[in-house]
Amino acid sequence: MDKIELRVMAISRSVTQSLNYAVVLGEIDGPRRLPVIIGSAEAQAIAIAIEGMSGPRPMTHDLFKNTLETLRTDLREIIISDIKEGIFYARLVLDRDGEIIEVDSRTSDALALATRFDCPIYTYELILQNAGIVLEGEGEEEDLQMHDVGDDPTSERSDNLSSYTMGELNTMLEDVLSEENYERAAQIRDEIKQRKAS
């Protein structure tokens, strides 16, 4: 069965499940998108890896990556291998000294690890046919912009950041990272980026 390569295109709040997020995976050479519903902790773990942020101590997925590297095992790829009753299933494909090992994984954890190892993400045609969506209009691609986990334009906390100076924002960013409050760190980082772009 031929594999189709995907990449993470966006993370946004789930429209259908208010407490969850959707990771939108896009076909590398095609218009199809595969939305995968995940929990907020996993969405945060993926967003942190994509943004290159890190805290003073490793998060669970960082710990797993460090453990694999210490054991001289490489994550070669992840495969979203099945979908049953709306739930995606995934496998980690590991390489330990030339020995290929496959491990079952929750899809959200597999994606969090793929972003840390910068390894390919694959699925199969049948899964894209059954669960994928096709973007046809020109403006639809713009709707798939990356939204940081915890970024809520109606959030009072996010709006209050505009009253701080850049120096205060940088200090706050260091503080919340040391407290491992990555949701707040993403909000502060966005405010800093927005001001630098202005």
C-alpha atoms as a PDB file:
ATOM      1  CA  MET A   1       0.000   0.000   0.000  1.00  0.00           C
ATOM      2  CA  ASP A   2       1.527   3.350  -1.080  1.00  0.00           C
ATOM      3  CA  LYS A   3       2.090   5.960   1.599  1.00  0.00           C
ATOM      4  CA  ILE A   4       1.112   9.604   1.133  1.00  0.00           C
ATOM      5  CA  GLU A   5       3.216  12.224   2.889  1.00  0.00           C
ATOM      6  CA  LEU A   6       1.523  14.908   4.968  1.00  0.00           C
ATOM      7  CA  ARG A   7       2.680  17.995   6.823  1.00  0.00           C
ATOM      8  CA  VAL A   8       1.221  19.959   9.727  1.00  0.00           C
ATOM      9  CA  MET A   9      -0.523  22.981   8.235  1.00  0.00           C
ATOM     10  CA  ALA A  10      -2.505  24.419  11.120  1.00  0.00           C
ATOM     11  CA  ILE A  11      -3.674  23.978  14.679  1.00  0.00           C
ATOM     12  CA  SER A  12      -6.966  25.545  15.645  1.00  0.00           C
ATOM     13  CA  ARG A  13      -9.776  25.131  18.110  1.00  0.00           C
ATOM     14  CA  SER A  14     -12.150  22.359  17.146  1.00  0.00           C
ATOM     15  CA  VAL A  15     -15.470  23.642  15.866  1.00  0.00           C
ATOM     16  CA  THR A  16     -17.270  20.415  16.770  1.00  0.00           C
ATOM     17  CA  GLN A  17     -15.605  19.696  20.128  1.00  0.00           C
ATOM     18  CA  SER A  18     -15.136  22.901  22.108  1.00  0.00           C
ATOM     19  CA  LEU A  19     -12.518  21.595  24.566  1.00  0.00           C
ATOM     20  CA  ASN A  20     -10.345  20.059  21.859  1.00  0.00           C
ATOM     21  CA  TYR A  21      -8.205  21.208  18.961  1.00  0.00           C
ATOM     22  CA  ALA A  22      -7.845  20.208  15.343  1.00  0.00           C
ATOM     23  CA  VAL A  23      -4.481  19.580  13.738  1.00  0.00           C
ATOM     24  CA  VAL A  24      -4.869  20.037  10.011  1.00  0.00           C
ATOM     25  CA  LEU A  25      -2.500  17.849   8.014  1.00  0.00           C
ATOM     26  CA  GLY A  26      -2.003  18.678   4.350  1.00  0.00           C
ATOM     27  CA  GLU A  27      -1.058  16.402   1.489  1.00  0.00           C
ATOM     28  CA  ILE A  28       2.441  17.447   0.331  1.00  0.00           C
ATOM     29  CA  ASP A  29       1.623  17.383  -3.387  1.00  0.00           C
ATOM     30  CA  GLY A  30      -2.126  17.752  -3.402  1.00  0.00           C
ATOM     31  CA  PRO A  31      -5.170  19.711  -2.224  1.00  0.00           C
ATOM     32  CA  ARG A  32      -6.444  17.264   0.393  1.00  0.00           C
ATOM     33  CA  ARG A  33      -6.421  18.014   4.107  1.00  0.00           C
ATOM     34  CA  LEU A  34      -6.802  15.605   7.006  1.00  0.00           C
ATOM     35  CA  PRO A  35      -8.182  17.208  10.199  1.00  0.00           C
ATOM     36  CA  VAL A  36      -7.314  15.257  13.356  1.00  0.00           C
ATOM     37  CA  ILE A  37      -9.036  16.139  16.648  1.00  0.00           C
ATOM     38  CA  ILE A  38      -6.655  16.115  19.628  1.00  0.00           C
ATOM     39  CA  GLY A  39      -6.645  17.270  23.242  1.00  0.00           C
ATOM     40  CA  SER A  40      -5.365  20.655  24.385  1.00  0.00           C
ATOM     41  CA  ALA A  41      -2.213  19.253  26.050  1.00  0.00           C
ATOM     42  CA  GLU A  42      -1.156  17.470  22.866  1.00  0.00           C
ATOM     43  CA  ALA A  43      -2.002  20.520  20.747  1.00  0.00           C
ATOM     44  CA  GLN A  44       0.142  22.604  23.043  1.00  0.00           C
ATOM     45  CA  ALA A  45       3.005  20.081  22.758  1.00  0.00           C
ATOM     46  CA  ILE A  46       2.841  20.232  18.944  1.00  0.00           C
ATOM     47  CA  ALA A  47       2.626  24.043  18.847  1.00  0.00           C
ATOM     48  CA  ILE A  48       5.603  24.390  21.203  1.00  0.00           C
ATOM     49  CA  ALA A  49       7.748  22.144  18.997  1.00  0.00           C
ATOM     50  CA  ILE A  50       6.717  23.957  15.814  1.00  0.00           C
ATOM     51  CA  GLU A  51       7.518  27.336  17.363  1.00  0.00           C
ATOM     52  CA  GLY A  52      10.854  26.062  18.705  1.00  0.00           C
ATOM     53  CA  MET A  53       9.984  26.997  22.277  1.00  0.00           C
ATOM     54  CA  SER A  54      11.416  25.163  25.256  1.00  0.00           C
ATOM     55  CA  GLY A  55      11.058  25.337  28.996  1.00  0.00           C
ATOM     56  CA  PRO A  56      13.516  24.753  31.821  1.00  0.00           C
ATOM     57  CA  ARG A  57      12.582  21.069  32.026  1.00  0.00           C
ATOM     58  CA  PRO A  58      11.604  18.613  29.301  1.00  0.00           C
ATOM     59  CA  MET A  59       7.931  17.966  28.681  1.00  0.00           C
ATOM     60  CA  THR A  60       6.771  14.367  28.256  1.00  0.00           C
ATOM     61  CA  HIS A  61       7.348  14.262  24.491  1.00  0.00           C
ATOM     62  CA  ASP A  62      10.778  15.873  24.915  1.00  0.00           C
ATOM     63  CA  LEU A  63      11.599  13.260  27.530  1.00  0.00           C
ATOM     64  CA  PHE A  64      10.591  10.470  25.151  1.00  0.00           C
ATOM     65  CA  LYS A  65      12.726  11.994  22.386  1.00  0.00           C
ATOM     66  CA  ASN A  66      15.708  12.318  24.748  1.00  0.00           C
ATOM     67  CA  THR A  67      15.237   8.698  25.854  1.00  0.00           C
ATOM     68  CA  LEU A  68      15.160   7.400  22.280  1.00  0.00           C
ATOM     69  CA  GLU A  69      18.259   9.399  21.400  1.00  0.00           C
ATOM     70  CA  THR A  70      20.077   8.148  24.502  1.00  0.00           C
ATOM     71  CA  LEU A  71      19.220   4.585  23.436  1.00  0.00           C
ATOM     72  CA  ARG A  72      20.514   5.413  19.922  1.00  0.00           C
ATOM     73  CA  THR A  73      17.098   4.934  18.386  1.00  0.00           C
ATOM     74  CA  ASP A  74      15.808   7.208  15.649  1.00  0.00           C
ATOM     75  CA  LEU A  75      12.189   7.983  14.814  1.00  0.00           C
ATOM     76  CA  ARG A  76      12.214   7.517  11.034  1.00  0.00           C
ATOM     77  CA  GLU A  77       8.559   8.289  10.358  1.00  0.00           C
ATOM     78  CA  ILE A  78       5.060   8.130  11.720  1.00  0.00           C
ATOM     79  CA  ILE A  79       2.178   6.530   9.881  1.00  0.00           C
ATOM     80  CA  ILE A  80      -1.474   7.341  10.462  1.00  0.00           C
ATOM     81  CA  SER A  81      -2.402   3.786   9.714  1.00  0.00           C
ATOM     82  CA  ASP A  82      -6.120   3.408  10.346  1.00  0.00           C
ATOM     83  CA  ILE A  83      -9.367   5.112  11.267  1.00  0.00           C
ATOM     84  CA  LYS A  84     -12.134   3.343  13.175  1.00  0.00           C
ATOM     85  CA  GLU A  85     -15.357   5.032  14.286  1.00  0.00           C
ATOM     86  CA  GLY A  86     -13.762   8.452  13.737  1.00  0.00           C
ATOM     87  CA  ILE A  87     -10.634   7.655  15.760  1.00  0.00           C
ATOM     88  CA  PHE A  88      -7.255   7.716  14.020  1.00  0.00           C
ATOM     89  CA  TYR A  89      -4.590   5.130  14.827  1.00  0.00           C
ATOM     90  CA  ALA A  90      -0.873   5.660  14.316  1.00  0.00           C
ATOM     91  CA  ARG A  91       2.431   3.819  14.415  1.00  0.00           C
ATOM     92  CA  LEU A  92       5.922   5.032  15.206  1.00  0.00           C
ATOM     93  CA  VAL A  93       8.563   3.567  12.897  1.00  0.00           C
ATOM     94  CA  LEU A  94      11.820   3.400  14.846  1.00  0.00           C
ATOM     95  CA  ASP A  95      15.320   2.530  13.673  1.00  0.00           C
ATOM     96  CA  ARG A  96      17.703   1.025  16.225  1.00  0.00           C
ATOM     97  CA  ASP A  97      21.049   0.143  14.648  1.00  0.00           C
ATOM     98  CA  GLY A  98      19.347  -0.831  11.385  1.00  0.00           C
ATOM     99  CA  GLU A  99      16.571  -2.813  13.073  1.00  0.00           C
ATOM    100  CA  ILE A 100      13.128  -1.391  12.205  1.00  0.00           C
ATOM    101  CA  ILE A 101      10.656  -1.459  15.082  1.00  0.00           C
ATOM    102  CA  GLU A 102       7.007  -0.360  14.886  1.00  0.00           C
ATOM    103  CA  VAL A 103       5.174   0.847  17.975  1.00  0.00           C
ATOM    104  CA  ASP A 104       1.459   1.634  18.314  1.00  0.00           C
ATOM    105  CA  SER A 105       0.757   5.221  19.308  1.00  0.00           C
ATOM    106  CA  ARG A 106      -2.038   7.676  19.782  1.00  0.00           C
ATOM    107  CA  THR A 107      -2.024   9.910  16.723  1.00  0.00           C
ATOM    108  CA  SER A 108      -1.675  13.067  18.824  1.00  0.00           C
ATOM    109  CA  ASP A 109       1.453  11.706  20.536  1.00  0.00           C
ATOM    110  CA  ALA A 110       2.872  10.533  17.215  1.00  0.00           C
ATOM    111  CA  LEU A 111       2.415  14.025  15.747  1.00  0.00           C
ATOM    112  CA  ALA A 112       4.024  15.651  18.805  1.00  0.00           C
ATOM    113  CA  LEU A 113       7.037  13.370  18.347  1.00  0.00           C
ATOM    114  CA  ALA A 114       7.188  13.909  14.571  1.00  0.00           C
ATOM    115  CA  THR A 115       7.491  17.668  15.115  1.00  0.00           C
ATOM    116  CA  ARG A 116      10.367  17.097  17.544  1.00  0.00           C
ATOM    117  CA  PHE A 117      12.262  14.627  15.347  1.00  0.00           C
ATOM    118  CA  ASP A 118      11.385  16.533  12.170  1.00  0.00           C
ATOM    119  CA  CYS A 119      10.460  13.204  10.598  1.00  0.00           C
ATOM    120  CA  PRO A 120       7.950  12.501   7.814  1.00  0.00           C
ATOM    121  CA  ILE A 121       4.253  11.972   8.520  1.00  0.00           C
ATOM    122  CA  TYR A 122       2.444   9.480   6.287  1.00  0.00           C
ATOM    123  CA  THR A 123      -0.996   8.051   5.774  1.00  0.00           C
ATOM    124  CA  TYR A 124      -2.705   5.850   3.178  1.00  0.00           C
ATOM    125  CA  GLU A 125      -4.986   6.721   0.273  1.00  0.00           C
ATOM    126  CA  LEU A 126      -7.957   4.936   1.838  1.00  0.00           C
ATOM    127  CA  ILE A 127      -7.738   7.117   4.951  1.00  0.00           C
ATOM    128  CA  LEU A 128      -7.555  10.317   2.907  1.00  0.00           C
ATOM    129  CA  GLN A 129     -10.537   9.149   0.849  1.00  0.00           C
ATOM    130  CA  ASN A 130     -12.596   8.400   3.961  1.00  0.00           C
ATOM    131  CA  ALA A 131     -11.609  11.260   6.266  1.00  0.00           C
ATOM    132  CA  GLY A 132      -9.905  13.875   4.111  1.00  0.00           C
ATOM    133  CA  ILE A 133     -11.343  17.105   2.778  1.00  0.00           C
ATOM    134  CA  VAL A 134     -10.439  18.899  -0.450  1.00  0.00           C
ATOM    135  CA  LEU A 135      -9.820  22.624  -0.629  1.00  0.00           C
ATOM    136  CA  GLU A 136     -11.105  23.951  -3.915  1.00  0.00           C
ATOM    137  CA  GLY A 137     -11.517  27.721  -3.452  1.00  0.00           C
ATOM    138  CA  GLU A 138      -8.618  30.171  -3.453  1.00  0.00           C
ATOM    139  CA  GLY A 139      -9.493  31.788  -0.137  1.00  0.00           C
ATOM    140  CA  GLU A 140      -9.881  28.521   1.725  1.00  0.00           C
ATOM    141  CA  GLU A 141      -6.132  28.021   2.120  1.00  0.00           C
ATOM    142  CA  GLU A 142      -5.942  31.288   4.058  1.00  0.00           C
ATOM    143  CA  ASP A 143      -8.365  29.851   6.613  1.00  0.00           C
ATOM    144  CA  LEU A 144      -5.736  27.245   7.528  1.00  0.00           C
ATOM    145  CA  GLN A 145      -3.308  29.652   9.135  1.00  0.00           C
ATOM    146  CA  MET A 146      -1.481  28.421  12.230  1.00  0.00           C
ATOM    147  CA  HIS A 147      -3.326  29.345  15.405  1.00  0.00           C
ATOM    148  CA  ASP A 148      -1.322  28.986  18.564  1.00  0.00           C
ATOM    149  CA  VAL A 149      -2.744  26.790  21.262  1.00  0.00           C
ATOM    150  CA  GLY A 150      -4.484  28.928  23.820  1.00  0.00           C
ATOM    151  CA  ASP A 151      -4.780  31.867  21.428  1.00  0.00           C
ATOM    152  CA  ASP A 152      -8.309  33.174  21.813  1.00  0.00           C
ATOM    153  CA  PRO A 153      -9.035  36.608  20.389  1.00  0.00           C
ATOM    154  CA  THR A 154     -11.858  37.092  22.897  1.00  0.00           C
ATOM    155  CA  SER A 155      -9.621  36.279  25.835  1.00  0.00           C
ATOM    156  CA  GLU A 156      -9.336  39.142  28.310  1.00  0.00           C
ATOM    157  CA  ARG A 157      -5.851  37.980  29.307  1.00  0.00           C
ATOM    158  CA  SER A 158      -4.649  38.193  25.695  1.00  0.00           C
ATOM    159  CA  ASP A 159      -6.134  41.678  25.198  1.00  0.00           C
ATOM    160  CA  ASN A 160      -4.429  43.036  28.332  1.00  0.00           C
ATOM    161  CA  LEU A 161      -0.963  42.404  26.862  1.00  0.00           C
ATOM    162  CA  SER A 162      -1.221  45.543  24.745  1.00  0.00           C
ATOM    163  CA  SER A 163      -0.759  47.698  27.855  1.00  0.00           C
ATOM    164  CA  TYR A 164       2.725  46.285  28.642  1.00  0.00           C
ATOM    165  CA  THR A 165       6.063  47.589  27.361  1.00  0.00           C
ATOM    166  CA  MET A 166       8.346  45.331  25.303  1.00  0.00           C
ATOM    167  CA  GLY A 167      10.706  45.020  28.270  1.00  0.00           C
ATOM    168  CA  GLU A 168       7.853  43.930  30.525  1.00  0.00           C
ATOM    169  CA  LEU A 169       6.638  41.442  27.916  1.00  0.00           C
ATOM    170  CA  ASN A 170      10.100  39.872  27.618  1.00  0.00           C
ATOM    171  CA  THR A 171      10.356  39.559  31.401  1.00  0.00           C
ATOM    172  CA  MET A 172       6.853  38.053  31.573  1.00  0.00           C
ATOM    173  CA  LEU A 173       7.779  35.579  28.822  1.00  0.00           C
ATOM    174  CA  GLU A 174      10.798  34.361  30.812  1.00  0.00           C
ATOM    175  CA  ASP A 175       8.669  34.048  33.949  1.00  0.00           C
ATOM    176  CA  VAL A 176       5.854  32.041  32.365  1.00  0.00           C
ATOM    177  CA  LEU A 177       8.327  29.746  30.597  1.00  0.00           C
ATOM    178  CA  SER A 178      10.028  29.011  33.916  1.00  0.00           C
ATOM    179  CA  GLU A 179       6.573  28.191  35.319  1.00  0.00           C
ATOM    180  CA  GLU A 180       5.910  25.978  32.265  1.00  0.00           C
ATOM    181  CA  ASN A 181       2.796  27.995  31.418  1.00  0.00           C
ATOM    182  CA  TYR A 182       3.141  27.504  27.671  1.00  0.00           C
ATOM    183  CA  GLU A 183      -0.343  28.734  26.865  1.00  0.00           C
ATOM    184  CA  ARG A 184       0.417  32.157  28.325  1.00  0.00           C
ATOM    185  CA  ALA A 185       3.892  32.101  26.741  1.00  0.00           C
ATOM    186  CA  ALA A 186       2.317  31.662  23.302  1.00  0.00           C
ATOM    187  CA  GLN A 187       0.066  34.695  23.907  1.00  0.00           C
ATOM    188  CA  ILE A 188       2.993  36.857  25.032  1.00  0.00           C
ATOM    189  CA  ARG A 189       5.182  35.683  22.168  1.00  0.00           C
ATOM    190  CA  ASP A 190       2.426  36.587  19.679  1.00  0.00           C
ATOM    191  CA  GLU A 191       2.126  40.083  21.149  1.00  0.00           C
ATOM    192  CA  ILE A 192       5.915  40.552  20.837  1.00  0.00           C
ATOM    193  CA  LYS A 193       5.901  39.281  17.240  1.00  0.00           C
ATOM    194  CA  GLN A 194       2.983  41.544  16.330  1.00  0.00           C
ATOM    195  CA  ARG A 195       4.775  44.605  17.684  1.00  0.00           C
ATOM    196  CA  LYS A 196       8.052  43.749  15.926  1.00  0.00           C
ATOM    197  CA  ALA A 197       6.178  43.338  12.639  1.00  0.00           C
ATOM    198  CA  SER A 198       4.530  46.773  13.017  1.00  0.00           C
END
